[in-house]
Structure formats: C-alpha cells, structure tokens
C-alpha cells in the first residue's frame, strides 16, 4: 500500500494493490516494446568522433544489435534520435499513472482510508468513507463532483 494523491483534488488515499489493478498492470507491462519490429538503420556517434551504423527501434528508441560495416550510402542515413527513448518512457509513465488514478478513484468511491491535503490543520486527519450520505457529500466535494 502507498499513498496516492487523486488528480485535480486534495484527496490522498492509501492505495491498495487490488487483484484488478495488479492484473491490469501486468497486462500493461506485457505491452512494453521488446521485439523492436519497426526499426531503421541509423548513424550513432561514438566517443572517438566517428560513427557506427546500428539499428534504432522507431517505437521505443532503443539502439540495438551489432554495428554493420560502413558503406557509401551511409551519408543518407539519419542520426539516432536520443529523445525518442525519453519520449517513449514518458508516454509509458503517463499511461501507468492514468491506470493508478483510475483504480485509486474506484477505491476512493468504494470506501478506502482517505487523507486530506497536508495543510497544518488537517495534517493527520484520516477518515473512512463509510457509505453514509454525509460521507459521500464530503468525498464528492473533495473530488470536485456533484452529489448524486
């Protein structure tokens, strides 16, 4: 369990790793790029100032495989894109955060321990959303949704 702050609210909750979350996260982790099916040959600058011709995955940006021999056509190759990998990792992190937020919101509405923001007056104030109408209004107000 860890503390998760719900997006666009001051609500923090003790996030429980439920079966549904773990199974969705495992499915998400299976989608990571490992086959590198879409790639291009590109020039990779090395420390001597020269370059190697290696394959770069167009999905995740990973440079892989052994270098091949230089040829006359190498002048037409593009340089490797170092930002491709960081963009891919940022996209994966955003997708994982969205998955956590989805399950955290489900848990908040189902009645998990919730802690308000860390202002001095409310620092250690915990309450349980117990399903009462008053608790529901209080939680809905913190989440920024109307009473249903």
C-alpha atoms as a PDB file:
ATOM      1  CA  UNK A   1       0.000   0.000   0.000  1.00  0.00           C
ATOM      2  CA  UNK A   2       1.155   3.509  -0.726  1.00  0.00           C
ATOM      3  CA  UNK A   3      -0.316   6.980  -0.533  1.00  0.00           C
ATOM      4  CA  UNK A   4      -1.739   8.284  -3.823  1.00  0.00           C
ATOM      5  CA  UNK A   5      -2.970  11.832  -4.427  1.00  0.00           C
ATOM      6  CA  UNK A   6      -6.008  11.859  -6.688  1.00  0.00           C
ATOM      7  CA  UNK A   7      -5.702  14.135  -9.694  1.00  0.00           C
ATOM      8  CA  UNK A   8      -7.437  17.522  -9.530  1.00  0.00           C
ATOM      9  CA  UNK A   9      -8.331  17.156  -5.845  1.00  0.00           C
ATOM     10  CA  UNK A  10      -6.852  17.432  -2.382  1.00  0.00           C
ATOM     11  CA  UNK A  11      -7.688  13.830  -1.539  1.00  0.00           C
ATOM     12  CA  UNK A  12      -4.933  11.370  -0.732  1.00  0.00           C
ATOM     13  CA  UNK A  13      -5.640   7.734  -0.078  1.00  0.00           C
ATOM     14  CA  UNK A  14      -3.887   4.587   0.951  1.00  0.00           C
ATOM     15  CA  UNK A  15      -3.804   2.786  -2.371  1.00  0.00           C
ATOM     16  CA  UNK A  16      -4.390  -0.930  -2.069  1.00  0.00           C
ATOM     17  CA  UNK A  17      -2.993  -3.235  -4.741  1.00  0.00           C
ATOM     18  CA  UNK A  18      -6.209  -4.996  -5.673  1.00  0.00           C
ATOM     19  CA  UNK A  19      -6.437  -8.039  -7.912  1.00  0.00           C
ATOM     20  CA  UNK A  20      -7.987  -5.967 -10.704  1.00  0.00           C
ATOM     21  CA  UNK A  21      -5.198  -3.375 -10.533  1.00  0.00           C
ATOM     22  CA  UNK A  22      -2.442  -5.989 -10.473  1.00  0.00           C
ATOM     23  CA  UNK A  23      -3.922  -7.884 -13.419  1.00  0.00           C
ATOM     24  CA  UNK A  24      -4.328  -4.672 -15.472  1.00  0.00           C
ATOM     25  CA  UNK A  25      -0.810  -3.556 -14.558  1.00  0.00           C
ATOM     26  CA  UNK A  26       0.622  -6.940 -15.576  1.00  0.00           C
ATOM     27  CA  UNK A  27      -1.198  -6.681 -18.911  1.00  0.00           C
ATOM     28  CA  UNK A  28       0.209  -3.142 -19.291  1.00  0.00           C
ATOM     29  CA  UNK A  29       3.742  -4.355 -18.555  1.00  0.00           C
ATOM     30  CA  UNK A  30       3.381  -7.014 -21.258  1.00  0.00           C
ATOM     31  CA  UNK A  31       2.909  -4.268 -23.867  1.00  0.00           C
ATOM     32  CA  UNK A  32       6.437  -2.905 -23.452  1.00  0.00           C
ATOM     33  CA  UNK A  33       8.447  -2.838 -26.673  1.00  0.00           C
ATOM     34  CA  UNK A  34      10.869  -5.775 -26.633  1.00  0.00           C
ATOM     35  CA  UNK A  35      10.679  -7.161 -30.160  1.00  0.00           C
ATOM     36  CA  UNK A  36      11.764  -3.907 -31.854  1.00  0.00           C
ATOM     37  CA  UNK A  37       9.912  -4.893 -35.015  1.00  0.00           C
ATOM     38  CA  UNK A  38       9.946  -1.424 -36.584  1.00  0.00           C
ATOM     39  CA  UNK A  39      13.485  -0.126 -36.894  1.00  0.00           C
ATOM     40  CA  UNK A  40      15.784   1.868 -39.127  1.00  0.00           C
ATOM     41  CA  UNK A  41      19.499   1.764 -39.695  1.00  0.00           C
ATOM     42  CA  UNK A  42      20.922   4.970 -38.270  1.00  0.00           C
ATOM     43  CA  UNK A  43      24.245   6.565 -37.502  1.00  0.00           C
ATOM     44  CA  UNK A  44      25.274   6.554 -33.841  1.00  0.00           C
ATOM     45  CA  UNK A  45      28.063   8.920 -32.827  1.00  0.00           C
ATOM     46  CA  UNK A  46      30.704   7.249 -30.689  1.00  0.00           C
ATOM     47  CA  UNK A  47      33.304   8.709 -28.329  1.00  0.00           C
ATOM     48  CA  UNK A  48      36.074   8.866 -30.953  1.00  0.00           C
ATOM     49  CA  UNK A  49      34.008  11.321 -33.010  1.00  0.00           C
ATOM     50  CA  UNK A  50      33.259   8.751 -35.669  1.00  0.00           C
ATOM     51  CA  UNK A  51      30.011   6.860 -36.004  1.00  0.00           C
ATOM     52  CA  UNK A  52      28.629   3.350 -36.091  1.00  0.00           C
ATOM     53  CA  UNK A  53      25.703   2.213 -38.204  1.00  0.00           C
ATOM     54  CA  UNK A  54      23.231   0.460 -35.909  1.00  0.00           C
ATOM     55  CA  UNK A  55      19.511  -0.241 -35.744  1.00  0.00           C
ATOM     56  CA  UNK A  56      17.204   2.047 -33.748  1.00  0.00           C
ATOM     57  CA  UNK A  57      13.683   0.953 -32.827  1.00  0.00           C
ATOM     58  CA  UNK A  58      11.168   3.510 -34.078  1.00  0.00           C
ATOM     59  CA  UNK A  59       8.751   2.628 -31.264  1.00  0.00           C
ATOM     60  CA  UNK A  60      10.904   2.850 -28.129  1.00  0.00           C
ATOM     61  CA  UNK A  61      14.135   4.413 -29.401  1.00  0.00           C
ATOM     62  CA  UNK A  62      16.382   1.567 -28.258  1.00  0.00           C
ATOM     63  CA  UNK A  63      19.618   1.232 -30.250  1.00  0.00           C
ATOM     64  CA  UNK A  64      20.358  -2.463 -30.610  1.00  0.00           C
ATOM     65  CA  UNK A  65      22.318  -5.089 -32.474  1.00  0.00           C
ATOM     66  CA  UNK A  66      25.886  -5.097 -33.683  1.00  0.00           C
ATOM     67  CA  UNK A  67      27.242  -2.343 -35.864  1.00  0.00           C
ATOM     68  CA  UNK A  68      27.428  -3.108 -39.543  1.00  0.00           C
ATOM     69  CA  UNK A  69      30.158  -2.162 -41.968  1.00  0.00           C
ATOM     70  CA  UNK A  70      30.181   1.327 -43.401  1.00  0.00           C
ATOM     71  CA  UNK A  71      29.015   1.827 -46.966  1.00  0.00           C
ATOM     72  CA  UNK A  72      28.817   4.720 -49.416  1.00  0.00           C
ATOM     73  CA  UNK A  73      25.070   5.074 -48.785  1.00  0.00           C
ATOM     74  CA  UNK A  74      25.623   5.888 -45.101  1.00  0.00           C
ATOM     75  CA  UNK A  75      25.719   9.604 -45.866  1.00  0.00           C
ATOM     76  CA  UNK A  76      21.963   9.379 -46.464  1.00  0.00           C
ATOM     77  CA  UNK A  77      21.238   7.778 -43.076  1.00  0.00           C
ATOM     78  CA  UNK A  78      19.797   9.873 -40.289  1.00  0.00           C
ATOM     79  CA  UNK A  79      21.447  10.203 -36.906  1.00  0.00           C
ATOM     80  CA  UNK A  80      19.951   8.314 -33.998  1.00  0.00           C
ATOM     81  CA  UNK A  81      17.277  10.233 -32.111  1.00  0.00           C
ATOM     82  CA  UNK A  82      18.245  10.342 -28.414  1.00  0.00           C
ATOM     83  CA  UNK A  83      14.895  11.900 -27.450  1.00  0.00           C
ATOM     84  CA  UNK A  84      12.899   9.000 -28.889  1.00  0.00           C
ATOM     85  CA  UNK A  85      13.624   6.797 -25.866  1.00  0.00           C
ATOM     86  CA  UNK A  86      12.789   9.525 -23.325  1.00  0.00           C
ATOM     87  CA  UNK A  87       9.515  10.321 -25.123  1.00  0.00           C
ATOM     88  CA  UNK A  88       8.585   6.633 -25.103  1.00  0.00           C
ATOM     89  CA  UNK A  89       9.374   6.311 -21.378  1.00  0.00           C
ATOM     90  CA  UNK A  90       7.402   9.489 -20.595  1.00  0.00           C
ATOM     91  CA  UNK A  91       4.409   8.131 -22.529  1.00  0.00           C
ATOM     92  CA  UNK A  92       4.597   4.817 -20.648  1.00  0.00           C
ATOM     93  CA  UNK A  93       4.819   6.649 -17.293  1.00  0.00           C
ATOM     94  CA  UNK A  94       1.768   8.750 -18.179  1.00  0.00           C
ATOM     95  CA  UNK A  95      -0.206   5.619 -19.105  1.00  0.00           C
ATOM     96  CA  UNK A  96       0.823   3.908 -15.851  1.00  0.00           C
ATOM     97  CA  UNK A  97      -0.180   6.976 -13.814  1.00  0.00           C
ATOM     98  CA  UNK A  98      -3.572   7.012 -15.539  1.00  0.00           C
ATOM     99  CA  UNK A  99      -4.032   3.351 -14.618  1.00  0.00           C
ATOM    100  CA  UNK A 100      -3.227   4.063 -10.963  1.00  0.00           C
ATOM    101  CA  UNK A 101      -5.557   7.091 -10.927  1.00  0.00           C
ATOM    102  CA  UNK A 102      -8.384   5.005 -12.387  1.00  0.00           C
ATOM    103  CA  UNK A 103      -8.091   2.362  -9.680  1.00  0.00           C
ATOM    104  CA  UNK A 104      -7.458   4.893  -6.917  1.00  0.00           C
ATOM    105  CA  UNK A 105     -10.687   6.696  -7.819  1.00  0.00           C
ATOM    106  CA  UNK A 106     -12.563   3.377  -7.719  1.00  0.00           C
ATOM    107  CA  UNK A 107     -11.122   2.689  -4.273  1.00  0.00           C
ATOM    108  CA  UNK A 108     -11.968   6.169  -3.009  1.00  0.00           C
ATOM    109  CA  UNK A 109     -15.573   5.753  -4.070  1.00  0.00           C
ATOM    110  CA  UNK A 110     -15.701   2.247  -2.596  1.00  0.00           C
ATOM    111  CA  UNK A 111     -14.622   3.404   0.858  1.00  0.00           C
ATOM    112  CA  UNK A 112     -10.887   3.366   1.363  1.00  0.00           C
ATOM    113  CA  UNK A 113      -8.985   5.283   4.023  1.00  0.00           C
ATOM    114  CA  UNK A 114      -8.692   8.819   2.723  1.00  0.00           C
ATOM    115  CA  UNK A 115      -6.436  11.587   3.994  1.00  0.00           C
ATOM    116  CA  UNK A 116      -6.873  15.242   3.124  1.00  0.00           C
ATOM    117  CA  UNK A 117      -4.093  17.517   1.959  1.00  0.00           C
ATOM    118  CA  UNK A 118      -1.211  18.193   4.262  1.00  0.00           C
ATOM    119  CA  UNK A 119      -2.130  21.624   5.491  1.00  0.00           C
ATOM    120  CA  UNK A 120      -1.329  22.152   9.169  1.00  0.00           C
ATOM    121  CA  UNK A 121      -4.909  21.999  10.392  1.00  0.00           C
ATOM    122  CA  UNK A 122      -5.719  18.748   8.621  1.00  0.00           C
ATOM    123  CA  UNK A 123      -2.308  17.070   8.540  1.00  0.00           C
ATOM    124  CA  UNK A 124      -3.056  13.764  10.257  1.00  0.00           C
ATOM    125  CA  UNK A 125      -6.797  13.743   9.803  1.00  0.00           C
ATOM    126  CA  UNK A 126      -7.971  10.419   8.434  1.00  0.00           C
ATOM    127  CA  UNK A 127     -11.491   9.348   7.808  1.00  0.00           C
ATOM    128  CA  UNK A 128     -13.204   6.412   6.209  1.00  0.00           C
ATOM    129  CA  UNK A 129     -15.822   6.964   3.569  1.00  0.00           C
ATOM    130  CA  UNK A 130     -18.401   4.764   5.224  1.00  0.00           C
ATOM    131  CA  UNK A 131     -21.154   4.959   2.627  1.00  0.00           C
ATOM    132  CA  UNK A 132     -23.292   7.444   4.570  1.00  0.00           C
ATOM    133  CA  UNK A 133     -24.836  10.360   2.720  1.00  0.00           C
ATOM    134  CA  UNK A 134     -22.755  12.845   4.732  1.00  0.00           C
ATOM    135  CA  UNK A 135     -19.542  10.953   3.950  1.00  0.00           C
ATOM    136  CA  UNK A 136     -20.486  10.766   0.281  1.00  0.00           C
ATOM    137  CA  UNK A 137     -21.132  14.510   0.066  1.00  0.00           C
ATOM    138  CA  UNK A 138     -17.846  15.234   1.810  1.00  0.00           C
ATOM    139  CA  UNK A 139     -15.878  12.959  -0.516  1.00  0.00           C
ATOM    140  CA  UNK A 140     -17.683  14.244  -3.623  1.00  0.00           C
ATOM    141  CA  UNK A 141     -16.909  17.820  -2.574  1.00  0.00           C
ATOM    142  CA  UNK A 142     -13.211  16.961  -2.253  1.00  0.00           C
ATOM    143  CA  UNK A 143     -13.177  15.152  -5.595  1.00  0.00           C
ATOM    144  CA  UNK A 144     -14.964  18.088  -7.214  1.00  0.00           C
ATOM    145  CA  UNK A 145     -18.017  16.150  -8.355  1.00  0.00           C
ATOM    146  CA  UNK A 146     -21.605  16.929  -7.569  1.00  0.00           C
ATOM    147  CA  UNK A 147     -23.739  14.999  -5.146  1.00  0.00           C
ATOM    148  CA  UNK A 148     -25.623  12.187  -6.831  1.00  0.00           C
END
